[in-house]
Amino acid sequence: MAIAIGLDHIVRSYGPVRAVDDVTLDIKAGEFFTLLGSSGCGKSSLLKLIGGFDKPTAGRVLFDGKDMASVPANRRPVNTVFQSLGLFPHMNVAQNVGYGLKLRGLSGGALKAKVEGALELVELSGFADRDVNLLSGGQRQRVALARALVMEPGILLLDEPLTGLDERLRQQMRDEFGRLHKRTGATFILVTHNQDEALSLSDRMAVMHKGRIEQIDAPARFFEAPANAFVARFVGIDTLLKPESISIAGDRAVAVIAGQKLTAIFSGTAPKDALVAIRPDRIELVPLVERADETIELKVVESIYRGLSHDVTLAFADSQRVVVTTSADAIPPLPGESVRVRLKPGAALLIDRSGMPALAGGDE
């Protein structure tokens, strides 16, 4: 049965360093939740606290409202798939998958049936007697999943399990996680630094930075309303512009950048110290002769061929830059040319500048 998880003001300190810094989070039973962030942000430390492999310096870990402080890792309804997989090299596939059940006292036909059911779940039927050392990377990953799922955990923790696999295999296993989540109904928590994994799998996700959670939301909301400059950059919204002035009217803002006006949207209260983030998927070049609403005029700095597209870098009069992606078939404008850029609805977002290391516009 899926289990709801509550993290109540969790702190994990190592001397003066706070790996997890006052994190409060509720994960629903049966949810696929992802902790996303770069190395050292605290996401794996948080996963260890949920799994019982470490104890918090302060705060509580709750399963369905019950404080788990006194419950050791081996008695929690949790199984973990680690990056290293941790398969036993001296055991075959069936022995690896059934190891935990055997420790629980299961044996004979009942054990065999459980193992075969788990292997079928991960599409490894017929692999029971195989040597794990002779399996491919993807097959070994499936064995690790089967070993975790055969225990029928209420919570499955996935600690960067796809790191080290090639891109094709990553995509295949990513789809497998989604399928298994639907079939098992367990609460899945994925730790990753890969945005594609997080965006494609998660019901909700949290972006972490320096031990804190910067934003918790459904995947689409990170693009529609990033909480701040750090989150915007982390999800790939790299164009962050410093406005000369901002005027607010309802849930809209008019930002002036190098003398040109852009209409920007924001969520909640307008930030006091704000930047304008430009979504790359909502801007396009338009011919100078074509009539169009909500356009700005910029100068071409350079164009780089990317195989399936061209990245055209454009500059405002104050040297702040925007990158527009055009089709590979289109002839890109030349450096020095003036071009018009159309901003589609929701292209410009007014966000808090926290997390921005220096001035916007390439002056870092």
Foldseek 3Di string as FASTA:
>chain_A
DAKKKWWAQFWADDVVATLAGGETDIDDTLFEEEEAEDPSLNPVVVVCCQLQVDPTPDTFMAINRHTCRPPHNLRALEDEQAQVRPFDQVAFLLCRLLVVVVVVPDDDPVSVVLSQVLCVLLPNHPRNRHRLVPDDLLVSLSSSVSSRCSSLGLEYEYEQNCPPPDPVSSVVVLVSVQSSSVVSSHHYYYYDNDPVSRLVRGCWYFYGGSNYTQDIDRNVCLLLANAADQSCVSNPQQQKAQFPDWDDDPQWIWTHDLNDTAIAGHPDDFDPAKIKTFDQVFKDWDAPPDDDPRKDKWFWADWDDDPQWIWTWTAHPVQQIDTHIGGNPDDDDDGGDITMMHGHPSRIHIHHHPPPPDHHRPPD
